[in-house]
Amino acid sequence: MKPKKLAREFYLQDTVGAARALLGCTLWRRLDDGMLLAARLVEVEAYLGANDMASHARRGLRSPRNESMYLEGGHAYVYFTYGMHWCCNVVMQEADIAEAVLLRGAEPVLGVEVMRERRPKAKKDHELMNGPGKLCSALDIDKRLNGASLRGDSLWLTARDVAISDDDIAVSARIGVEGAGEPHASWPLRFYLRGNRHVSQYRK
């Protein structure tokens, strides 16, 4: 049976709860030539809009760069960072709230050979998508998908096909947001599957 795309209602729920629920979900990407790629999410970070100084929407900041964050939940917010990497976020909540979940790590499910071609520097499969920029590179996600519906035909999400309990989910502060200052930099909004090799900062 073909897995169903996540319903619109999934993206309108509490952002932190949704971030945890995204772990184990499958991200699908249909390339321009029709090739289908898929990856199971293993690491995410939540960003909570205007009151989160680590967010691109802190203090209600709105610009051409982050305009997609203000769409209704269920769209992609894709941005360029460090002059070299694309990062993909799942927009959450009602329109104009600007909350989102950054996709930080995933494990290959379908199309791994294509992912290896796109990520030739990855020596092992668990290095293909163990970071947000690597994830986007492996799945050919860039500015073309900024603002795209996650219920469309180019990029979408389906529900977990593996059992995950609360004990399987580890929690930490987000990575690389020290400049946000306290307490925002220490908020426990990074969620990942404990012991999974595809996590960006894997530790045994």
N, C-alpha and C. Protein backbone atom coordinates (compact mmCIF):
# COMPACT_ATOMS: atom_id res chain seq x y z
N MET A 1 0.84 -1.20 0.00
CA MET A 1 0.00 0.00 0.00
C MET A 1 0.88 1.26 0.00
N LYS A 2 0.53 2.21 -0.85
CA LYS A 2 1.29 3.45 -0.92
C LYS A 2 1.05 4.27 0.34
N PRO A 3 2.13 4.71 1.03
CA PRO A 3 1.93 5.47 2.27
C PRO A 3 1.28 6.82 2.00
N LYS A 4 0.39 7.22 2.91
CA LYS A 4 -0.31 8.49 2.75
C LYS A 4 0.54 9.65 3.25
N LYS A 5 0.42 10.77 2.58
CA LYS A 5 1.10 11.98 3.03
C LYS A 5 0.52 12.44 4.37
N LEU A 6 1.36 13.04 5.20
CA LEU A 6 0.87 13.58 6.47
C LEU A 6 -0.26 14.57 6.20
N ALA A 7 -1.28 14.51 7.01
CA ALA A 7 -2.45 15.37 6.84
C ALA A 7 -2.12 16.82 7.20
N ARG A 8 -2.89 17.73 6.66
CA ARG A 8 -2.73 19.16 6.94
C ARG A 8 -2.71 19.42 8.44
N GLU A 9 -3.55 18.70 9.19
CA GLU A 9 -3.67 18.93 10.63
C GLU A 9 -2.38 18.66 11.39
N PHE A 10 -1.54 17.76 10.86
CA PHE A 10 -0.28 17.45 11.53
C PHE A 10 0.56 18.71 11.69
N TYR A 11 0.55 19.55 10.68
CA TYR A 11 1.41 20.73 10.65
C TYR A 11 0.84 21.91 11.44
N LEU A 12 -0.35 21.77 11.97
CA LEU A 12 -0.98 22.86 12.72
C LEU A 12 -0.93 22.62 14.22
N GLN A 13 -0.31 21.52 14.63
CA GLN A 13 -0.23 21.21 16.05
C GLN A 13 0.95 21.94 16.71
N ASP A 14 1.06 21.77 18.01
CA ASP A 14 2.17 22.34 18.77
C ASP A 14 3.50 21.97 18.11
N THR A 15 4.37 22.96 17.92
CA THR A 15 5.61 22.76 17.16
C THR A 15 6.56 21.79 17.84
N VAL A 16 6.69 21.87 19.15
CA VAL A 16 7.60 20.97 19.86
C VAL A 16 7.10 19.53 19.77
N GLY A 17 5.80 19.35 19.96
CA GLY A 17 5.24 18.01 19.82
C GLY A 17 5.39 17.47 18.42
N ALA A 18 5.22 18.34 17.44
CA ALA A 18 5.36 17.92 16.05
C ALA A 18 6.81 17.55 15.73
N ALA A 19 7.75 18.29 16.30
CA ALA A 19 9.16 17.98 16.07
C ALA A 19 9.47 16.56 16.54
N ARG A 20 9.00 16.21 17.72
CA ARG A 20 9.22 14.85 18.22
C ARG A 20 8.52 13.83 17.32
N ALA A 21 7.31 14.18 16.87
CA ALA A 21 6.53 13.26 16.04
C ALA A 21 7.13 13.06 14.66
N LEU A 22 7.94 14.02 14.20
CA LEU A 22 8.58 13.89 12.88
C LEU A 22 9.67 12.83 12.88
N LEU A 23 10.26 12.53 14.04
CA LEU A 23 11.28 11.49 14.09
C LEU A 23 10.68 10.16 13.68
N GLY A 24 11.30 9.52 12.72
CA GLY A 24 10.78 8.27 12.21
C GLY A 24 9.89 8.42 11.00
N CYS A 25 9.44 9.65 10.73
CA CYS A 25 8.67 9.90 9.51
C CYS A 25 9.61 9.85 8.30
N THR A 26 9.04 9.61 7.13
CA THR A 26 9.84 9.51 5.91
C THR A 26 9.66 10.75 5.06
N LEU A 27 10.77 11.34 4.66
CA LEU A 27 10.80 12.48 3.75
C LEU A 27 11.03 11.96 2.34
N TRP A 28 10.11 12.32 1.44
CA TRP A 28 10.18 11.85 0.05
C TRP A 28 10.53 13.01 -0.86
N ARG A 29 11.35 12.72 -1.87
CA ARG A 29 11.76 13.74 -2.84
C ARG A 29 11.69 13.14 -4.23
N ARG A 30 10.84 13.74 -5.09
CA ARG A 30 10.79 13.32 -6.48
C ARG A 30 11.64 14.29 -7.30
N LEU A 31 12.68 13.78 -7.93
CA LEU A 31 13.59 14.60 -8.71
C LEU A 31 12.95 15.01 -10.03
N ASP A 32 13.58 15.94 -10.71
CA ASP A 32 13.03 16.45 -11.97
C ASP A 32 12.89 15.36 -13.02
N ASP A 33 13.73 14.32 -12.95
CA ASP A 33 13.65 13.24 -13.93
C ASP A 33 12.69 12.14 -13.49
N GLY A 34 11.97 12.35 -12.39
CA GLY A 34 11.01 11.38 -11.91
C GLY A 34 11.54 10.41 -10.88
N MET A 35 12.87 10.37 -10.70
CA MET A 35 13.47 9.48 -9.71
C MET A 35 12.95 9.81 -8.31
N LEU A 36 12.64 8.79 -7.53
CA LEU A 36 12.10 8.98 -6.20
C LEU A 36 13.14 8.61 -5.15
N LEU A 37 13.38 9.53 -4.22
CA LEU A 37 14.29 9.32 -3.10
C LEU A 37 13.49 9.39 -1.80
N ALA A 38 13.97 8.69 -0.78
CA ALA A 38 13.29 8.73 0.51
C ALA A 38 14.29 8.56 1.63
N ALA A 39 14.02 9.24 2.74
CA ALA A 39 14.91 9.18 3.90
C ALA A 39 14.08 9.27 5.17
N ARG A 40 14.45 8.48 6.18
CA ARG A 40 13.75 8.48 7.47
C ARG A 40 14.41 9.51 8.40
N LEU A 41 13.63 10.42 8.93
CA LEU A 41 14.16 11.49 9.78
C LEU A 41 14.60 10.93 11.13
N VAL A 42 15.81 11.32 11.54
CA VAL A 42 16.35 10.85 12.82
C VAL A 42 16.78 11.99 13.73
N GLU A 43 16.77 13.23 13.22
CA GLU A 43 17.22 14.37 14.03
C GLU A 43 16.57 15.65 13.53
N VAL A 44 16.01 16.42 14.46
CA VAL A 44 15.33 17.67 14.11
C VAL A 44 15.56 18.70 15.21
N GLU A 45 15.28 19.96 14.89
CA GLU A 45 15.32 21.04 15.88
C GLU A 45 14.09 21.93 15.69
N ALA A 46 13.49 22.35 16.79
CA ALA A 46 12.32 23.24 16.73
C ALA A 46 12.76 24.69 16.90
N TYR A 47 12.13 25.57 16.14
CA TYR A 47 12.36 27.02 16.23
C TYR A 47 11.01 27.70 16.40
N LEU A 48 10.92 28.55 17.43
CA LEU A 48 9.62 28.99 17.93
C LEU A 48 9.28 30.45 17.66
N GLY A 49 9.63 30.92 16.49
CA GLY A 49 9.12 32.20 16.02
C GLY A 49 9.64 33.44 16.73
N ALA A 50 8.76 34.40 16.90
CA ALA A 50 9.15 35.75 17.33
C ALA A 50 9.83 35.78 18.69
N ASN A 51 9.46 34.87 19.59
CA ASN A 51 10.02 34.89 20.95
C ASN A 51 11.24 34.01 21.11
N ASP A 52 11.75 33.48 20.03
CA ASP A 52 12.92 32.61 20.03
C ASP A 52 14.07 33.34 19.34
N MET A 53 15.04 33.76 20.11
CA MET A 53 16.13 34.56 19.54
C MET A 53 17.05 33.76 18.63
N ALA A 54 16.88 32.44 18.59
CA ALA A 54 17.64 31.61 17.65
C ALA A 54 16.91 31.44 16.32
N SER A 55 15.69 31.96 16.24
CA SER A 55 14.88 31.80 15.04
C SER A 55 15.14 32.91 14.04
N HIS A 56 14.98 32.61 12.77
CA HIS A 56 15.07 33.64 11.73
C HIS A 56 13.92 34.63 11.83
N ALA A 57 12.89 34.28 12.61
CA ALA A 57 11.74 35.16 12.79
C ALA A 57 11.76 35.85 14.15
N ARG A 58 12.93 35.88 14.80
CA ARG A 58 13.02 36.51 16.13
C ARG A 58 12.52 37.96 16.07
N ARG A 59 11.82 38.32 17.14
CA ARG A 59 11.25 39.67 17.27
C ARG A 59 10.33 40.03 16.09
N GLY A 60 9.79 39.02 15.43
CA GLY A 60 8.88 39.27 14.33
C GLY A 60 9.56 39.67 13.03
N LEU A 61 10.87 39.45 12.95
CA LEU A 61 11.60 39.79 11.73
C LEU A 61 10.96 39.11 10.53
N ARG A 62 10.75 39.89 9.48
CA ARG A 62 10.16 39.35 8.25
C ARG A 62 10.90 39.95 7.07
N SER A 63 11.36 39.10 6.18
CA SER A 63 12.17 39.55 5.05
C SER A 63 11.95 38.61 3.87
N PRO A 64 12.44 38.97 2.69
CA PRO A 64 12.32 38.04 1.55
C PRO A 64 12.94 36.68 1.85
N ARG A 65 14.01 36.65 2.66
CA ARG A 65 14.67 35.38 2.96
C ARG A 65 13.77 34.44 3.75
N ASN A 66 13.07 34.97 4.76
CA ASN A 66 12.32 34.08 5.64
C ASN A 66 10.81 34.11 5.40
N GLU A 67 10.37 34.70 4.32
CA GLU A 67 8.94 34.85 4.07
C GLU A 67 8.20 33.52 4.11
N SER A 68 8.86 32.44 3.68
CA SER A 68 8.20 31.13 3.68
C SER A 68 7.88 30.62 5.08
N MET A 69 8.60 31.12 6.09
CA MET A 69 8.29 30.73 7.47
C MET A 69 6.90 31.19 7.88
N TYR A 70 6.39 32.21 7.22
CA TYR A 70 5.11 32.79 7.60
C TYR A 70 3.93 32.15 6.87
N LEU A 71 4.20 31.15 6.04
CA LEU A 71 3.13 30.42 5.40
C LEU A 71 2.44 29.51 6.42
N GLU A 72 1.28 29.01 6.05
CA GLU A 72 0.61 28.04 6.91
C GLU A 72 1.48 26.80 7.04
N GLY A 73 1.39 26.12 8.18
CA GLY A 73 2.12 24.88 8.38
C GLY A 73 1.89 23.90 7.24
N GLY A 74 2.95 23.15 6.91
CA GLY A 74 2.85 22.20 5.81
C GLY A 74 3.56 22.67 4.56
N HIS A 75 4.41 23.68 4.71
CA HIS A 75 5.25 24.16 3.61
C HIS A 75 6.72 24.01 3.99
N ALA A 76 7.58 24.08 3.00
CA ALA A 76 9.02 24.01 3.23
C ALA A 76 9.61 25.40 3.30
N TYR A 77 10.46 25.61 4.29
CA TYR A 77 11.27 26.82 4.35
C TYR A 77 12.71 26.39 4.11
N VAL A 78 13.24 26.75 2.95
CA VAL A 78 14.60 26.35 2.55
C VAL A 78 15.46 27.59 2.44
N TYR A 79 16.58 27.61 3.15
CA TYR A 79 17.45 28.78 3.13
C TYR A 79 18.91 28.38 2.94
N PHE A 80 19.71 29.33 2.50
CA PHE A 80 21.13 29.14 2.23
C PHE A 80 21.93 29.67 3.41
N THR A 81 22.95 28.94 3.85
CA THR A 81 23.71 29.36 5.02
C THR A 81 25.20 29.11 4.81
N TYR A 82 26.01 29.90 5.48
CA TYR A 82 27.47 29.81 5.42
C TYR A 82 28.00 29.89 3.99
N GLY A 83 27.21 30.42 3.08
CA GLY A 83 27.64 30.57 1.71
C GLY A 83 27.84 29.28 0.95
N MET A 84 27.32 28.17 1.51
CA MET A 84 27.57 26.88 0.84
C MET A 84 26.50 25.83 1.04
N HIS A 85 25.64 25.94 2.05
CA HIS A 85 24.71 24.87 2.35
C HIS A 85 23.26 25.33 2.29
N TRP A 86 22.39 24.44 1.81
CA TRP A 86 20.95 24.63 1.92
C TRP A 86 20.45 23.88 3.14
N CYS A 87 19.46 24.44 3.82
CA CYS A 87 18.84 23.80 4.96
C CYS A 87 17.33 23.79 4.75
N CYS A 88 16.69 22.69 5.14
CA CYS A 88 15.26 22.53 4.91
C CYS A 88 14.52 22.46 6.24
N ASN A 89 13.47 23.25 6.35
CA ASN A 89 12.62 23.29 7.53
C ASN A 89 11.18 22.96 7.17
N VAL A 90 10.49 22.36 8.11
CA VAL A 90 9.06 22.12 7.99
C VAL A 90 8.34 23.25 8.72
N VAL A 91 7.58 24.06 8.00
CA VAL A 91 6.85 25.16 8.61
C VAL A 91 5.67 24.59 9.41
N MET A 92 5.46 25.14 10.60
CA MET A 92 4.40 24.67 11.49
C MET A 92 3.42 25.80 11.81
N GLN A 93 2.30 25.43 12.39
CA GLN A 93 1.31 26.37 12.93
C GLN A 93 0.51 27.09 11.83
N GLU A 94 -0.39 27.95 12.29
CA GLU A 94 -1.19 28.75 11.37
C GLU A 94 -0.29 29.76 10.64
N ALA A 95 -0.79 30.29 9.56
CA ALA A 95 -0.03 31.31 8.82
C ALA A 95 0.30 32.49 9.71
N ASP A 96 1.48 33.08 9.50
CA ASP A 96 1.99 34.27 10.19
C ASP A 96 2.54 33.98 11.59
N ILE A 97 2.59 32.72 12.01
CA ILE A 97 3.18 32.37 13.31
C ILE A 97 4.70 32.22 13.19
N ALA A 98 5.17 31.73 12.07
CA ALA A 98 6.61 31.60 11.75
C ALA A 98 7.36 30.65 12.68
N GLU A 99 6.76 29.52 12.98
CA GLU A 99 7.48 28.47 13.70
C GLU A 99 7.83 27.37 12.70
N ALA A 100 8.94 26.67 12.95
CA ALA A 100 9.41 25.68 11.98
C ALA A 100 10.29 24.64 12.66
N VAL A 101 10.48 23.53 11.98
CA VAL A 101 11.33 22.44 12.46
C VAL A 101 12.42 22.20 11.42
N LEU A 102 13.67 22.38 11.83
CA LEU A 102 14.82 22.13 10.96
C LEU A 102 15.08 20.63 10.87
N LEU A 103 15.25 20.13 9.66
CA LEU A 103 15.59 18.73 9.45
C LEU A 103 17.10 18.58 9.48
N ARG A 104 17.61 17.95 10.54
CA ARG A 104 19.06 17.90 10.76
C ARG A 104 19.72 16.60 10.32
N GLY A 105 18.98 15.50 10.33
CA GLY A 105 19.62 14.24 9.98
C GLY A 105 18.60 13.20 9.55
N ALA A 106 19.02 12.31 8.63
CA ALA A 106 18.12 11.28 8.12
C ALA A 106 18.93 10.09 7.64
N GLU A 107 18.25 8.95 7.56
CA GLU A 107 18.89 7.74 7.04
C GLU A 107 18.24 7.33 5.73
N PRO A 108 19.02 6.87 4.77
CA PRO A 108 18.48 6.52 3.45
C PRO A 108 17.46 5.39 3.54
N VAL A 109 16.40 5.51 2.77
CA VAL A 109 15.38 4.48 2.65
C VAL A 109 15.26 4.01 1.20
N LEU A 110 15.30 4.97 0.28
CA LEU A 110 15.13 4.66 -1.14
C LEU A 110 16.02 5.58 -1.97
N GLY A 111 16.71 5.01 -2.96
CA GLY A 111 17.55 5.81 -3.86
C GLY A 111 18.94 6.09 -3.32
N VAL A 112 19.48 5.19 -2.51
CA VAL A 112 20.77 5.45 -1.89
C VAL A 112 21.89 5.62 -2.92
N GLU A 113 21.80 4.93 -4.06
CA GLU A 113 22.84 5.06 -5.08
C GLU A 113 22.89 6.49 -5.62
N VAL A 114 21.72 7.08 -5.82
CA VAL A 114 21.67 8.48 -6.27
C VAL A 114 22.24 9.40 -5.20
N MET A 115 21.92 9.12 -3.95
CA MET A 115 22.44 9.93 -2.85
C MET A 115 23.96 9.85 -2.80
N ARG A 116 24.52 8.68 -3.03
CA ARG A 116 25.97 8.53 -3.03
C ARG A 116 26.60 9.34 -4.16
N GLU A 117 25.94 9.37 -5.31
CA GLU A 117 26.45 10.17 -6.42
C GLU A 117 26.42 11.66 -6.08
N ARG A 118 25.39 12.08 -5.37
CA ARG A 118 25.24 13.48 -5.02
C ARG A 118 26.15 13.88 -3.86
N ARG A 119 26.58 12.90 -3.06
CA ARG A 119 27.42 13.17 -1.90
C ARG A 119 28.69 12.31 -1.98
N PRO A 120 29.55 12.55 -2.97
CA PRO A 120 30.72 11.69 -3.17
C PRO A 120 31.72 11.74 -2.01
N LYS A 121 31.66 12.79 -1.21
CA LYS A 121 32.61 12.88 -0.09
C LYS A 121 32.21 11.97 1.07
N ALA A 122 30.98 11.49 1.08
CA ALA A 122 30.53 10.60 2.15
C ALA A 122 31.17 9.22 1.97
N LYS A 123 31.96 8.81 2.94
CA LYS A 123 32.65 7.53 2.84
C LYS A 123 31.73 6.36 3.19
N LYS A 124 30.76 6.61 4.07
CA LYS A 124 29.84 5.56 4.50
C LYS A 124 28.42 6.09 4.41
N ASP A 125 27.46 5.19 4.35
CA ASP A 125 26.08 5.62 4.16
C ASP A 125 25.55 6.46 5.31
N HIS A 126 26.06 6.22 6.53
CA HIS A 126 25.56 7.03 7.64
C HIS A 126 26.11 8.47 7.59
N GLU A 127 27.02 8.75 6.65
CA GLU A 127 27.53 10.10 6.47
C GLU A 127 26.81 10.86 5.35
N LEU A 128 25.87 10.20 4.70
CA LEU A 128 25.18 10.84 3.57
C LEU A 128 24.32 12.01 4.01
N MET A 129 23.63 11.87 5.14
CA MET A 129 22.68 12.89 5.56
C MET A 129 22.77 13.20 7.05
N ASN A 130 23.96 13.10 7.62
CA ASN A 130 24.14 13.37 9.06
C ASN A 130 24.48 14.85 9.29
N GLY A 131 23.57 15.69 8.86
CA GLY A 131 23.71 17.14 8.99
C GLY A 131 22.72 17.79 8.04
N PRO A 132 22.23 18.98 8.36
CA PRO A 132 21.18 19.60 7.54
C PRO A 132 21.61 19.93 6.11
N GLY A 133 22.85 20.38 5.93
CA GLY A 133 23.33 20.66 4.59
C GLY A 133 23.53 19.40 3.78
N LYS A 134 24.01 18.35 4.42
CA LYS A 134 24.22 17.07 3.75
C LYS A 134 22.88 16.48 3.33
N LEU A 135 21.89 16.60 4.19
CA LEU A 135 20.55 16.10 3.89
C LEU A 135 20.02 16.75 2.61
N CYS A 136 20.13 18.07 2.55
CA CYS A 136 19.63 18.78 1.37
C CYS A 136 20.41 18.41 0.12
N SER A 137 21.72 18.26 0.25
CA SER A 137 22.54 17.89 -0.90
C SER A 137 22.16 16.50 -1.42
N ALA A 138 22.01 15.55 -0.52
CA ALA A 138 21.69 14.18 -0.91
C ALA A 138 20.34 14.08 -1.60
N LEU A 139 19.38 14.93 -1.16
CA LEU A 139 18.02 14.86 -1.68
C LEU A 139 17.72 15.94 -2.72
N ASP A 140 18.75 16.69 -3.13
CA ASP A 140 18.57 17.73 -4.15
C ASP A 140 17.50 18.74 -3.73
N ILE A 141 17.63 19.23 -2.51
CA ILE A 141 16.73 20.26 -1.99
C ILE A 141 17.46 21.59 -2.00
N ASP A 142 16.91 22.57 -2.71
CA ASP A 142 17.51 23.89 -2.76
C ASP A 142 16.41 24.94 -2.89
N LYS A 143 16.77 26.15 -3.33
CA LYS A 143 15.83 27.27 -3.34
C LYS A 143 14.58 27.01 -4.17
N ARG A 144 14.67 26.07 -5.12
CA ARG A 144 13.50 25.76 -5.94
C ARG A 144 12.34 25.25 -5.09
N LEU A 145 12.65 24.68 -3.93
CA LEU A 145 11.62 24.10 -3.07
C LEU A 145 11.25 25.02 -1.90
N ASN A 146 11.83 26.20 -1.85
CA ASN A 146 11.46 27.14 -0.79
C ASN A 146 10.00 27.57 -0.98
N GLY A 147 9.20 27.34 0.03
CA GLY A 147 7.78 27.66 -0.05
C GLY A 147 6.92 26.57 -0.64
N ALA A 148 7.52 25.45 -1.03
CA ALA A 148 6.76 24.36 -1.63
C ALA A 148 5.85 23.70 -0.61
N SER A 149 4.70 23.26 -1.06
CA SER A 149 3.80 22.50 -0.20
C SER A 149 4.41 21.13 0.09
N LEU A 150 4.33 20.72 1.35
CA LEU A 150 4.80 19.39 1.74
C LEU A 150 3.73 18.33 1.54
N ARG A 151 2.69 18.71 0.83
CA ARG A 151 1.65 17.75 0.44
C ARG A 151 1.54 17.70 -1.08
N GLY A 152 2.61 18.19 -1.73
CA GLY A 152 2.65 18.20 -3.19
C GLY A 152 3.33 16.96 -3.75
N ASP A 153 3.88 17.09 -4.96
CA ASP A 153 4.46 15.95 -5.65
C ASP A 153 5.99 15.98 -5.75
N SER A 154 6.62 17.04 -5.24
CA SER A 154 8.08 17.14 -5.30
C SER A 154 8.74 16.84 -3.96
N LEU A 155 8.07 17.19 -2.87
CA LEU A 155 8.62 17.00 -1.53
C LEU A 155 7.45 16.77 -0.58
N TRP A 156 7.49 15.65 0.15
CA TRP A 156 6.39 15.38 1.08
C TRP A 156 6.85 14.43 2.19
N LEU A 157 6.01 14.30 3.19
CA LEU A 157 6.30 13.48 4.35
C LEU A 157 5.21 12.46 4.55
N THR A 158 5.62 11.26 5.00
CA THR A 158 4.66 10.23 5.37
C THR A 158 4.93 9.78 6.81
N ALA A 159 3.94 9.16 7.41
CA ALA A 159 3.99 8.80 8.83
C ALA A 159 5.05 7.74 9.11
N ARG A 160 5.36 7.59 10.37
CA ARG A 160 6.32 6.57 10.81
C ARG A 160 5.90 5.18 10.34
N ASP A 161 6.89 4.41 9.93
CA ASP A 161 6.65 3.00 9.64
C ASP A 161 7.47 2.12 10.57
N VAL A 162 8.01 2.76 11.62
CA VAL A 162 8.75 2.05 12.66
C VAL A 162 8.22 2.51 14.01
N ALA A 163 8.32 1.64 15.00
CA ALA A 163 7.84 1.98 16.34
C ALA A 163 8.90 2.81 17.07
N ILE A 164 8.48 3.95 17.61
CA ILE A 164 9.38 4.82 18.37
C ILE A 164 8.68 5.21 19.67
N SER A 165 9.35 4.97 20.79
CA SER A 165 8.80 5.34 22.09
C SER A 165 9.47 6.62 22.58
N ASP A 166 8.91 7.21 23.62
CA ASP A 166 9.52 8.41 24.19
C ASP A 166 10.94 8.13 24.66
N ASP A 167 11.19 6.91 25.13
CA ASP A 167 12.54 6.55 25.60
C ASP A 167 13.55 6.50 24.47
N ASP A 168 13.09 6.36 23.24
CA ASP A 168 13.99 6.31 22.08
C ASP A 168 14.45 7.70 21.66
N ILE A 169 13.79 8.74 22.17
CA ILE A 169 14.07 10.12 21.74
C ILE A 169 14.95 10.83 22.76
N ALA A 170 16.12 11.26 22.31
CA ALA A 170 17.03 12.04 23.14
C ALA A 170 16.80 13.53 22.90
N VAL A 171 17.10 14.34 23.89
CA VAL A 171 16.83 15.78 23.84
C VAL A 171 18.09 16.54 24.23
N SER A 172 18.36 17.64 23.52
CA SER A 172 19.49 18.49 23.88
C SER A 172 19.22 19.92 23.43
N ALA A 173 20.14 20.80 23.76
CA ALA A 173 20.09 22.15 23.20
C ALA A 173 20.37 22.07 21.70
N ARG A 174 19.92 23.08 20.97
CA ARG A 174 20.16 23.11 19.53
C ARG A 174 21.63 23.38 19.23
N ILE A 175 22.04 23.04 18.03
CA ILE A 175 23.44 23.14 17.63
C ILE A 175 23.68 24.45 16.87
N GLY A 176 24.76 25.15 17.23
CA GLY A 176 25.18 26.32 16.48
C GLY A 176 24.36 27.57 16.70
N VAL A 177 23.67 27.67 17.84
CA VAL A 177 22.83 28.86 18.09
C VAL A 177 23.33 29.65 19.30
N GLU A 178 24.60 29.49 19.63
CA GLU A 178 25.14 30.17 20.81
C GLU A 178 24.93 31.68 20.74
N GLY A 179 24.96 32.25 19.54
CA GLY A 179 24.80 33.69 19.38
C GLY A 179 23.43 34.21 19.78
N ALA A 180 22.47 33.31 19.97
CA ALA A 180 21.13 33.72 20.38
C ALA A 180 21.09 34.21 21.81
N GLY A 181 22.15 33.85 22.60
CA GLY A 181 22.17 34.25 24.01
C GLY A 181 21.28 33.36 24.85
N GLU A 182 21.43 33.53 26.17
CA GLU A 182 20.62 32.74 27.10
C GLU A 182 19.31 33.46 27.42
N PRO A 183 18.24 32.73 27.68
CA PRO A 183 18.20 31.27 27.79
C PRO A 183 17.98 30.55 26.46
N HIS A 184 17.79 31.30 25.39
CA HIS A 184 17.37 30.71 24.11
C HIS A 184 18.36 29.67 23.60
N ALA A 185 19.65 29.95 23.74
CA ALA A 185 20.66 29.02 23.22
C ALA A 185 20.61 27.67 23.92
N SER A 186 20.09 27.63 25.13
CA SER A 186 20.06 26.39 25.90
C SER A 186 18.71 25.69 25.89
N TRP A 187 17.73 26.27 25.22
CA TRP A 187 16.43 25.62 25.19
C TRP A 187 16.56 24.19 24.65
N PRO A 188 15.94 23.22 25.28
CA PRO A 188 16.06 21.80 24.86
C PRO A 188 15.13 21.49 23.69
N LEU A 189 15.52 21.94 22.51
CA LEU A 189 14.65 21.84 21.34
C LEU A 189 15.25 21.04 20.20
N ARG A 190 16.31 20.31 20.49
CA ARG A 190 16.87 19.37 19.51
C ARG A 190 16.45 17.97 19.93
N PHE A 191 15.87 17.23 18.99
CA PHE A 191 15.39 15.88 19.26
C PHE A 191 16.00 14.91 18.26
N TYR A 192 16.45 13.77 18.76
CA TYR A 192 17.07 12.80 17.87
C TYR A 192 16.88 11.39 18.40
N LEU A 193 17.03 10.42 17.52
CA LEU A 193 16.87 9.03 17.91
C LEU A 193 18.15 8.54 18.58
N ARG A 194 18.00 8.14 19.81
CA ARG A 194 19.14 7.74 20.63
C ARG A 194 19.91 6.58 19.97
N GLY A 195 21.23 6.77 19.84
CA GLY A 195 22.07 5.70 19.31
C GLY A 195 22.05 5.52 17.81
N ASN A 196 21.37 6.40 17.09
CA ASN A 196 21.27 6.26 15.64
C ASN A 196 22.52 6.84 14.96
N ARG A 197 23.17 6.06 14.10
CA ARG A 197 24.42 6.48 13.47
C ARG A 197 24.24 7.64 12.50
N HIS A 198 23.04 7.92 12.08
CA HIS A 198 22.77 8.95 11.07
C HIS A 198 22.57 10.34 11.69
N VAL A 199 22.66 10.43 13.02
CA VAL A 199 22.55 11.71 13.71
C VAL A 199 23.82 12.52 13.47
N SER A 200 23.70 13.84 13.41
CA SER A 200 24.83 14.69 13.01
C SER A 200 25.99 14.67 13.98
N GLN A 201 25.71 14.53 15.26
CA GLN A 201 26.79 14.46 16.24
C GLN A 201 26.68 13.16 17.01
N TYR A 202 26.83 12.09 16.26
CA TYR A 202 26.67 10.73 16.83
C TYR A 202 27.72 10.45 17.89
N ARG A 203 27.26 9.90 18.99
CA ARG A 203 28.15 9.42 20.04
C ARG A 203 27.71 8.01 20.43
N LYS A 204 28.66 7.12 20.59
CA LYS A 204 28.33 5.75 21.01
C LYS A 204 27.82 5.76 22.45
